[in-house]
Amino acid sequence: MPILIGNNLFIEELPVDYNGKLLDLDPYIAPLNTFFDKLEVECVRECCGIQAFSFMPEDIHKALVGLSAETIVTQLKAMQTAIEEQWWYNAVGSTILNNNFDRKVFLQLLAHIIKTIESQ
């Protein structure tokens, strides 16, 4: 199921390659828990995984209320760099988000979130 990121804008999910190891994103996501908690508006992650979160620009901006946008972007970019540097992982996963992803898909999602925050 595609990830909605704007009006008629989607990131297409790709099949997850389970032949290799899965890069655990939880150590990178844990410092961002409050931010992701605020994005969890469509359902609950235990039920719907990534589809429980809204990545619409207006919801990303709402999730930043009371948080340091600069800190969030720094942490998101650190996660992006960690994924890129560990290129041998084709798949990434998070028990916090209750989802596994093709690494390219998750990198696209991170890029969208960072761009949305930086454009405000």
Protein backbone atom coordinates (compact mmCIF):
# COMPACT_ATOMS: atom_id res chain seq x y z
CA MET A 1 0.00 0.00 0.00
CA PRO A 2 1.50 3.38 -0.97
CA ILE A 3 2.40 5.94 1.69
CA LEU A 4 0.39 9.17 1.29
CA ILE A 5 2.64 12.25 1.56
CA GLY A 6 0.48 14.97 -0.02
CA ASN A 7 -2.58 15.59 -2.15
CA ASN A 8 -2.35 12.81 -4.75
CA LEU A 9 1.33 12.31 -3.84
CA PHE A 10 2.50 8.90 -2.73
CA ILE A 11 5.66 6.94 -2.04
CA GLU A 12 5.18 3.53 -3.61
CA GLU A 13 6.06 0.73 -1.25
CA LEU A 14 8.34 -1.93 -2.70
CA PRO A 15 8.47 -5.57 -1.66
CA VAL A 16 10.79 -6.07 1.30
CA ASP A 17 13.79 -8.29 0.56
CA TYR A 18 13.96 -10.65 3.52
CA ASN A 19 16.92 -12.59 2.04
CA GLY A 20 19.44 -10.36 3.77
CA LYS A 21 19.56 -8.90 7.24
CA LEU A 22 17.17 -6.20 8.34
CA LEU A 23 18.66 -2.94 9.63
CA ASP A 24 17.01 -2.16 12.98
CA LEU A 25 15.87 1.47 12.94
CA ASP A 26 14.66 1.55 16.55
CA PRO A 27 17.88 3.04 17.99
CA TYR A 28 17.47 5.95 15.54
CA ILE A 29 13.70 6.29 15.95
CA ALA A 30 13.65 6.14 19.77
CA PRO A 31 14.85 9.77 20.19
CA LEU A 32 12.08 10.79 17.75
CA ASN A 33 9.28 8.96 19.61
CA THR A 34 7.42 12.13 20.59
CA PHE A 35 7.47 13.37 17.00
CA PHE A 36 6.23 10.05 15.59
CA ASP A 37 3.61 9.76 18.36
CA LYS A 38 2.14 13.06 17.15
CA LEU A 39 2.03 11.75 13.56
CA GLU A 40 0.04 8.68 14.62
CA VAL A 41 -3.39 10.09 13.71
CA GLU A 42 -4.89 7.67 11.17
CA CYS A 43 -5.05 4.53 13.34
CA VAL A 44 -2.70 2.90 15.86
CA ARG A 45 0.65 1.48 14.82
CA GLU A 46 -0.07 -1.89 16.43
CA CYS A 47 -2.92 -2.31 13.95
CA CYS A 48 -1.85 -0.51 10.78
CA GLY A 49 1.93 -0.10 10.95
CA ILE A 50 3.14 2.83 8.86
CA GLN A 51 -0.40 3.50 7.59
CA ALA A 52 -1.30 4.67 11.13
CA PHE A 53 0.88 7.74 10.60
CA SER A 54 0.10 10.82 8.55
CA PHE A 55 2.96 12.25 6.52
CA MET A 56 0.88 15.04 5.02
CA PRO A 57 2.76 18.35 5.29
CA GLU A 58 0.13 19.93 7.55
CA ASP A 59 0.34 17.00 9.98
CA ILE A 60 4.13 17.09 10.00
CA HIS A 61 3.97 20.79 10.90
CA LYS A 62 1.40 20.10 13.66
CA ALA A 63 3.64 17.36 15.07
CA LEU A 64 6.45 19.89 15.50
CA VAL A 65 4.46 22.04 17.94
CA GLY A 66 6.37 22.10 21.22
CA LEU A 67 9.39 20.38 19.67
CA SER A 68 12.63 21.75 18.25
CA ALA A 69 12.39 21.49 14.46
CA GLU A 70 16.17 21.84 14.29
CA THR A 71 16.69 18.88 16.64
CA ILE A 72 14.15 16.74 14.78
CA VAL A 73 15.83 17.45 11.43
CA THR A 74 19.27 16.69 12.90
CA GLN A 75 18.02 13.33 14.22
CA LEU A 76 16.24 12.49 10.95
CA LYS A 77 19.38 13.31 8.96
CA ALA A 78 21.48 11.16 11.32
CA MET A 79 19.13 8.25 10.65
CA GLN A 80 19.29 8.93 6.90
CA THR A 81 23.10 8.91 7.00
CA ALA A 82 23.19 5.70 9.07
CA ILE A 83 20.96 3.94 6.53
CA GLU A 84 22.99 5.22 3.58
CA GLU A 85 26.30 4.21 5.20
CA GLN A 86 25.00 0.69 5.84
CA TRP A 87 24.25 0.16 2.14
CA TRP A 88 24.47 -3.63 2.38
CA TYR A 89 21.06 -3.72 4.07
CA ASN A 90 18.29 -3.90 1.46
CA ALA A 91 15.60 -3.70 4.11
CA VAL A 92 15.05 -1.69 7.26
CA GLY A 93 12.59 -2.28 10.04
CA SER A 94 11.21 -0.80 13.20
CA THR A 95 9.20 -2.38 15.98
CA ILE A 96 8.43 1.17 17.16
CA LEU A 97 6.73 1.96 13.83
CA ASN A 98 5.57 -1.67 13.48
CA ASN A 99 6.79 -1.87 9.89
CA ASN A 100 9.53 -3.18 7.62
CA PHE A 101 10.54 -1.26 4.49
CA ASP A 102 12.66 -1.52 1.40
CA ARG A 103 15.51 0.83 2.36
CA LYS A 104 14.92 3.06 -0.70
CA VAL A 105 11.30 3.58 0.33
CA PHE A 106 12.22 4.58 3.88
CA LEU A 107 14.94 6.93 2.60
CA GLN A 108 12.32 8.60 0.37
CA LEU A 109 10.03 9.00 3.37
CA LEU A 110 12.81 10.54 5.47
CA ALA A 111 13.69 12.93 2.62
CA HIS A 112 10.04 14.00 2.39
CA ILE A 113 9.79 14.66 6.14
CA ILE A 114 13.06 16.61 6.22
CA LYS A 115 12.12 18.69 3.16
CA THR A 116 8.69 19.44 4.64
CA ILE A 117 10.17 20.62 7.95
CA GLU A 118 12.92 22.68 6.31
CA SER A 119 10.45 24.40 3.98
CA GLN A 120 8.35 25.89 6.77
